[in-house]
Amino acid sequence: MKMGKKESDATKNLELSPGEISLTGGDELFFNEDVISFYEGILMNWKPPHKPLALYMGCTHHKPFSKSFMHRKVIGMIESHDLQKIVQQYIVSEPLAICPRELERIYPAANYDFPPEKLTSRGRKIFIYRLRKFLLKSTEYHLYHIGFVPNHHRSILKEASEKIINPTFVPYNIYYLPKLLKRLEEIIGTVDSNGE
């Protein structure tokens, strides 16, 4: 049976290795069929683990995101302090809006390149709108929210979270990892003392 263009493209994309870039661009990627499908799948079908704390990080040029220096450091810190059962990691991303750490190695999360300078005011509105819809869902699963994101993503997360969540922000810098750990431990102490 001969495959149509749509089917053959989908099959080709499923065969991509993490880090192999097949989607490049700017705002137009918000309207890419695979990006929309990924976002809607997270919004409608994906059930976040019930963990008290959501940690938001920014997307990176490296794919999967965990290959970046900062992400590796944060993942290592969480694992070395045995916080995986308490901290749910998310990546705030243009064009995906949000990507759970568990899904970072699948297409299209592991296969796009959207330089932040290509984000226009139109794309920013879409980004905030989609992220906001996800944050509404996240309140069912997480009590506390921490943003460890570059300034670009901080302003987007801050605007998207208005009247939904009240995230704590830790400056995005390798030298602030101890402060991030301290904040995570403070929240965990609150969770433990409240029996949440």
C-alpha atoms as a PDB file:
ATOM      1  CA  MET A   1       0.000   0.000   0.000  1.00  0.00           C
ATOM      2  CA  LYS A   2       1.337   3.410  -0.963  1.00  0.00           C
ATOM      3  CA  MET A   3       1.549   5.852   1.910  1.00  0.00           C
ATOM      4  CA  GLY A   4       0.269   9.380   1.549  1.00  0.00           C
ATOM      5  CA  LYS A   5       2.595  12.328   2.212  1.00  0.00           C
ATOM      6  CA  LYS A   6       1.101  12.864   5.660  1.00  0.00           C
ATOM      7  CA  GLU A   7       1.595   9.213   6.649  1.00  0.00           C
ATOM      8  CA  SER A   8       5.118   8.996   5.256  1.00  0.00           C
ATOM      9  CA  ASP A   9       6.136  12.211   7.047  1.00  0.00           C
ATOM     10  CA  ALA A  10       4.712  10.898  10.326  1.00  0.00           C
ATOM     11  CA  THR A  11       6.575   7.604   9.911  1.00  0.00           C
ATOM     12  CA  LYS A  12       9.807   9.439   9.067  1.00  0.00           C
ATOM     13  CA  ASN A  13       9.470  11.634  12.151  1.00  0.00           C
ATOM     14  CA  LEU A  14       8.898   8.633  14.430  1.00  0.00           C
ATOM     15  CA  GLU A  15      12.217   7.240  13.226  1.00  0.00           C
ATOM     16  CA  LEU A  16      14.171  10.344  14.242  1.00  0.00           C
ATOM     17  CA  SER A  17      16.711   9.996  17.010  1.00  0.00           C
ATOM     18  CA  PRO A  18      16.530  12.412  19.954  1.00  0.00           C
ATOM     19  CA  GLY A  19      18.566  15.454  18.989  1.00  0.00           C
ATOM     20  CA  GLU A  20      18.071  14.981  15.257  1.00  0.00           C
ATOM     21  CA  ILE A  21      16.449  18.283  14.237  1.00  0.00           C
ATOM     22  CA  SER A  22      13.572  18.128  11.760  1.00  0.00           C
ATOM     23  CA  LEU A  23      11.565  21.225  12.725  1.00  0.00           C
ATOM     24  CA  THR A  24      13.207  24.636  12.516  1.00  0.00           C
ATOM     25  CA  GLY A  25      11.719  28.080  12.531  1.00  0.00           C
ATOM     26  CA  GLY A  26       9.897  30.624  14.604  1.00  0.00           C
ATOM     27  CA  ASP A  27       6.251  31.401  15.328  1.00  0.00           C
ATOM     28  CA  GLU A  28       5.028  29.162  12.494  1.00  0.00           C
ATOM     29  CA  LEU A  29       6.065  26.157  14.593  1.00  0.00           C
ATOM     30  CA  PHE A  30       3.218  26.928  17.025  1.00  0.00           C
ATOM     31  CA  PHE A  31       0.907  25.894  14.164  1.00  0.00           C
ATOM     32  CA  ASN A  32       2.822  22.781  13.139  1.00  0.00           C
ATOM     33  CA  GLU A  33       0.484  19.783  13.202  1.00  0.00           C
ATOM     34  CA  ASP A  34       2.901  17.647  15.246  1.00  0.00           C
ATOM     35  CA  VAL A  35       3.527  20.432  17.772  1.00  0.00           C
ATOM     36  CA  ILE A  36      -0.214  20.984  18.228  1.00  0.00           C
ATOM     37  CA  SER A  37      -0.782  17.239  18.597  1.00  0.00           C
ATOM     38  CA  PHE A  38       1.989  16.992  21.225  1.00  0.00           C
ATOM     39  CA  TYR A  39       0.572  19.938  23.204  1.00  0.00           C
ATOM     40  CA  GLU A  40      -3.017  18.674  23.026  1.00  0.00           C
ATOM     41  CA  GLY A  41      -1.864  15.203  24.088  1.00  0.00           C
ATOM     42  CA  ILE A  42      -0.278  16.660  27.212  1.00  0.00           C
ATOM     43  CA  LEU A  43      -3.279  18.838  27.931  1.00  0.00           C
ATOM     44  CA  MET A  44      -5.965  16.217  27.314  1.00  0.00           C
ATOM     45  CA  ASN A  45      -4.402  12.794  27.880  1.00  0.00           C
ATOM     46  CA  TRP A  46      -1.200  12.996  29.897  1.00  0.00           C
ATOM     47  CA  LYS A  47      -1.692  12.616  33.636  1.00  0.00           C
ATOM     48  CA  PRO A  48       1.054  14.275  35.661  1.00  0.00           C
ATOM     49  CA  PRO A  49       2.282  12.285  38.627  1.00  0.00           C
ATOM     50  CA  HIS A  50       0.873  13.645  41.887  1.00  0.00           C
ATOM     51  CA  LYS A  51       4.005  15.283  43.250  1.00  0.00           C
ATOM     52  CA  PRO A  52       3.758  18.262  45.573  1.00  0.00           C
ATOM     53  CA  LEU A  53       6.313  20.349  43.709  1.00  0.00           C
ATOM     54  CA  ALA A  54       6.509  21.415  40.052  1.00  0.00           C
ATOM     55  CA  LEU A  55       9.882  22.685  38.844  1.00  0.00           C
ATOM     56  CA  TYR A  56       9.840  24.676  35.601  1.00  0.00           C
ATOM     57  CA  MET A  57      12.997  25.033  33.551  1.00  0.00           C
ATOM     58  CA  GLY A  58      13.554  26.741  30.202  1.00  0.00           C
ATOM     59  CA  CYS A  59      14.052  24.927  26.931  1.00  0.00           C
ATOM     60  CA  THR A  60      17.541  24.723  25.476  1.00  0.00           C
ATOM     61  CA  HIS A  61      19.261  24.532  22.129  1.00  0.00           C
ATOM     62  CA  HIS A  62      20.328  20.998  23.109  1.00  0.00           C
ATOM     63  CA  LYS A  63      17.873  18.203  22.469  1.00  0.00           C
ATOM     64  CA  PRO A  64      16.859  16.352  24.458  1.00  0.00           C
ATOM     65  CA  PHE A  65      16.912  19.164  27.007  1.00  0.00           C
ATOM     66  CA  SER A  66      18.695  16.982  29.561  1.00  0.00           C
ATOM     67  CA  LYS A  67      21.842  17.162  27.407  1.00  0.00           C
ATOM     68  CA  SER A  68      22.319  20.825  28.303  1.00  0.00           C
ATOM     69  CA  PHE A  69      24.801  21.682  31.042  1.00  0.00           C
ATOM     70  CA  MET A  70      22.257  23.360  33.324  1.00  0.00           C
ATOM     71  CA  HIS A  71      19.635  20.647  32.967  1.00  0.00           C
ATOM     72  CA  ARG A  72      22.227  17.940  33.706  1.00  0.00           C
ATOM     73  CA  LYS A  73      23.240  19.800  36.868  1.00  0.00           C
ATOM     74  CA  VAL A  74      19.644  20.181  38.071  1.00  0.00           C
ATOM     75  CA  ILE A  75      18.770  16.553  37.283  1.00  0.00           C
ATOM     76  CA  GLY A  76      21.922  15.419  39.106  1.00  0.00           C
ATOM     77  CA  MET A  77      21.058  17.548  42.121  1.00  0.00           C
ATOM     78  CA  ILE A  78      17.499  16.201  42.271  1.00  0.00           C
ATOM     79  CA  GLU A  79      18.698  12.608  41.963  1.00  0.00           C
ATOM     80  CA  SER A  80      21.579  12.930  44.429  1.00  0.00           C
ATOM     81  CA  HIS A  81      19.193  14.322  47.072  1.00  0.00           C
ATOM     82  CA  ASP A  82      16.527  11.702  46.269  1.00  0.00           C
ATOM     83  CA  LEU A  83      13.897  14.295  45.332  1.00  0.00           C
ATOM     84  CA  GLN A  84      12.461  12.571  42.236  1.00  0.00           C
ATOM     85  CA  LYS A  85       9.376  11.392  44.135  1.00  0.00           C
ATOM     86  CA  ILE A  86       8.561  14.935  45.210  1.00  0.00           C
ATOM     87  CA  VAL A  87       9.660  17.118  42.271  1.00  0.00           C
ATOM     88  CA  GLN A  88       7.980  16.980  38.859  1.00  0.00           C
ATOM     89  CA  GLN A  89      10.171  18.586  36.198  1.00  0.00           C
ATOM     90  CA  TYR A  90       8.725  20.571  33.281  1.00  0.00           C
ATOM     91  CA  ILE A  91      10.376  22.420  30.430  1.00  0.00           C
ATOM     92  CA  VAL A  92       8.781  25.705  29.343  1.00  0.00           C
ATOM     93  CA  SER A  93       9.264  25.757  25.592  1.00  0.00           C
ATOM     94  CA  GLU A  94       8.473  27.629  22.455  1.00  0.00           C
ATOM     95  CA  PRO A  95       6.745  26.112  20.442  1.00  0.00           C
ATOM     96  CA  LEU A  96       5.601  23.226  22.705  1.00  0.00           C
ATOM     97  CA  ALA A  97       4.457  25.510  25.572  1.00  0.00           C
ATOM     98  CA  ILE A  98       5.263  22.765  28.100  1.00  0.00           C
ATOM     99  CA  CYS A  99       7.134  19.481  28.064  1.00  0.00           C
ATOM    100  CA  PRO A 100       7.227  17.070  31.010  1.00  0.00           C
ATOM    101  CA  ARG A 101      10.739  15.710  31.593  1.00  0.00           C
ATOM    102  CA  GLU A 102       9.372  12.207  30.916  1.00  0.00           C
ATOM    103  CA  LEU A 103       8.495  13.173  27.328  1.00  0.00           C
ATOM    104  CA  GLU A 104      11.614  15.125  26.373  1.00  0.00           C
ATOM    105  CA  ARG A 105      13.068  12.304  24.246  1.00  0.00           C
ATOM    106  CA  ILE A 106      10.112  11.865  21.898  1.00  0.00           C
ATOM    107  CA  TYR A 107       9.169  13.684  18.709  1.00  0.00           C
ATOM    108  CA  PRO A 108       8.708  16.646  18.390  1.00  0.00           C
ATOM    109  CA  ALA A 109      10.148  17.610  21.816  1.00  0.00           C
ATOM    110  CA  ALA A 110      13.564  16.170  20.962  1.00  0.00           C
ATOM    111  CA  ASN A 111      13.634  17.346  17.357  1.00  0.00           C
ATOM    112  CA  TYR A 112      12.997  21.076  17.003  1.00  0.00           C
ATOM    113  CA  ASP A 113      14.989  24.287  16.919  1.00  0.00           C
ATOM    114  CA  PHE A 114      13.194  27.550  17.726  1.00  0.00           C
ATOM    115  CA  PRO A 115      15.714  30.286  18.549  1.00  0.00           C
ATOM    116  CA  PRO A 116      14.154  32.621  21.180  1.00  0.00           C
ATOM    117  CA  GLU A 117      14.928  35.674  19.054  1.00  0.00           C
ATOM    118  CA  LYS A 118      12.432  34.366  16.470  1.00  0.00           C
ATOM    119  CA  LEU A 119       9.557  34.664  18.950  1.00  0.00           C
ATOM    120  CA  THR A 120       7.370  37.634  17.976  1.00  0.00           C
ATOM    121  CA  SER A 121       4.620  39.300  20.007  1.00  0.00           C
ATOM    122  CA  ARG A 122       2.048  37.118  18.200  1.00  0.00           C
ATOM    123  CA  GLY A 123       3.945  33.937  19.101  1.00  0.00           C
ATOM    124  CA  ARG A 124       4.383  35.142  22.668  1.00  0.00           C
ATOM    125  CA  LYS A 125       0.593  35.511  23.052  1.00  0.00           C
ATOM    126  CA  ILE A 126       0.059  31.951  21.793  1.00  0.00           C
ATOM    127  CA  PHE A 127       2.824  30.675  24.082  1.00  0.00           C
ATOM    128  CA  ILE A 128       1.289  32.353  27.147  1.00  0.00           C
ATOM    129  CA  TYR A 129      -2.228  31.207  26.248  1.00  0.00           C
ATOM    130  CA  ARG A 130      -1.189  27.558  25.852  1.00  0.00           C
ATOM    131  CA  LEU A 131       1.031  27.568  28.931  1.00  0.00           C
ATOM    132  CA  ARG A 132      -1.782  29.119  30.957  1.00  0.00           C
ATOM    133  CA  LYS A 133      -4.157  26.295  29.961  1.00  0.00           C
ATOM    134  CA  PHE A 134      -1.588  23.764  31.138  1.00  0.00           C
ATOM    135  CA  LEU A 135      -1.001  25.596  34.430  1.00  0.00           C
ATOM    136  CA  LEU A 136      -4.733  25.395  35.163  1.00  0.00           C
ATOM    137  CA  LYS A 137      -4.438  21.619  34.805  1.00  0.00           C
ATOM    138  CA  SER A 138      -1.266  21.485  36.917  1.00  0.00           C
ATOM    139  CA  THR A 139      -3.025  22.854  39.998  1.00  0.00           C
ATOM    140  CA  GLU A 140      -4.789  19.488  40.346  1.00  0.00           C
ATOM    141  CA  TYR A 141      -1.428  17.733  40.698  1.00  0.00           C
ATOM    142  CA  HIS A 142       1.035  20.136  42.330  1.00  0.00           C
ATOM    143  CA  LEU A 143       0.804  22.394  45.376  1.00  0.00           C
ATOM    144  CA  TYR A 144       4.048  24.327  44.916  1.00  0.00           C
ATOM    145  CA  HIS A 145       5.689  25.775  41.812  1.00  0.00           C
ATOM    146  CA  ILE A 146       9.276  26.906  41.289  1.00  0.00           C
ATOM    147  CA  GLY A 147      10.634  28.588  38.190  1.00  0.00           C
ATOM    148  CA  PHE A 148      14.332  28.082  37.449  1.00  0.00           C
ATOM    149  CA  VAL A 149      14.286  29.668  34.027  1.00  0.00           C
ATOM    150  CA  PRO A 150      16.185  32.299  32.028  1.00  0.00           C
ATOM    151  CA  ASN A 151      14.669  35.804  32.055  1.00  0.00           C
ATOM    152  CA  HIS A 152      12.997  35.262  28.678  1.00  0.00           C
ATOM    153  CA  HIS A 153      11.016  32.290  29.997  1.00  0.00           C
ATOM    154  CA  ARG A 154      10.556  33.867  33.417  1.00  0.00           C
ATOM    155  CA  SER A 155       8.450  36.697  32.022  1.00  0.00           C
ATOM    156  CA  ILE A 156       6.342  34.228  30.017  1.00  0.00           C
ATOM    157  CA  LEU A 157       5.838  31.883  32.986  1.00  0.00           C
ATOM    158  CA  LYS A 158       5.050  34.823  35.253  1.00  0.00           C
ATOM    159  CA  GLU A 159       2.421  36.223  32.890  1.00  0.00           C
ATOM    160  CA  ALA A 160       0.884  32.801  32.161  1.00  0.00           C
ATOM    161  CA  SER A 161       0.605  31.985  35.863  1.00  0.00           C
ATOM    162  CA  GLU A 162      -1.291  35.142  36.904  1.00  0.00           C
ATOM    163  CA  LYS A 163      -4.238  34.267  39.177  1.00  0.00           C
ATOM    164  CA  ILE A 164      -3.556  30.529  38.718  1.00  0.00           C
ATOM    165  CA  ILE A 165      -0.344  29.722  40.587  1.00  0.00           C
ATOM    166  CA  ASN A 166       2.163  31.810  42.494  1.00  0.00           C
ATOM    167  CA  PRO A 167       5.549  30.438  41.455  1.00  0.00           C
ATOM    168  CA  THR A 168       8.716  31.133  43.374  1.00  0.00           C
ATOM    169  CA  PHE A 169      11.572  32.106  41.082  1.00  0.00           C
ATOM    170  CA  VAL A 170      15.210  31.262  41.675  1.00  0.00           C
ATOM    171  CA  PRO A 171      17.727  33.116  39.465  1.00  0.00           C
ATOM    172  CA  TYR A 172      18.824  30.958  36.532  1.00  0.00           C
ATOM    173  CA  ASN A 173      22.526  30.648  37.160  1.00  0.00           C
ATOM    174  CA  ILE A 174      24.795  27.739  38.046  1.00  0.00           C
ATOM    175  CA  TYR A 175      25.849  29.603  41.193  1.00  0.00           C
ATOM    176  CA  TYR A 176      22.222  29.597  42.388  1.00  0.00           C
ATOM    177  CA  LEU A 177      21.870  25.805  42.395  1.00  0.00           C
ATOM    178  CA  PRO A 178      22.442  25.744  46.192  1.00  0.00           C
ATOM    179  CA  LYS A 179      19.645  28.310  46.564  1.00  0.00           C
ATOM    180  CA  LEU A 180      17.391  26.180  44.360  1.00  0.00           C
ATOM    181  CA  LEU A 181      18.170  23.123  46.494  1.00  0.00           C
ATOM    182  CA  LYS A 182      17.498  25.093  49.684  1.00  0.00           C
ATOM    183  CA  ARG A 183      14.129  26.270  48.313  1.00  0.00           C
ATOM    184  CA  LEU A 184      13.190  22.708  47.302  1.00  0.00           C
ATOM    185  CA  GLU A 185      14.135  21.443  50.774  1.00  0.00           C
ATOM    186  CA  GLU A 186      12.130  24.232  52.469  1.00  0.00           C
ATOM    187  CA  ILE A 187       9.057  23.259  50.496  1.00  0.00           C
ATOM    188  CA  ILE A 188       9.631  19.579  51.229  1.00  0.00           C
ATOM    189  CA  GLY A 189       9.836  20.482  54.923  1.00  0.00           C
ATOM    190  CA  THR A 190       6.466  22.216  54.613  1.00  0.00           C
ATOM    191  CA  VAL A 191       5.002  19.207  52.837  1.00  0.00           C
ATOM    192  CA  ASP A 192       6.344  16.833  55.504  1.00  0.00           C
ATOM    193  CA  SER A 193       5.116  18.969  58.432  1.00  0.00           C
ATOM    194  CA  ASN A 194       1.645  19.380  56.890  1.00  0.00           C
ATOM    195  CA  GLY A 195       1.413  15.716  55.963  1.00  0.00           C
ATOM    196  CA  GLU A 196       0.555  16.666  52.356  1.00  0.00           C
END
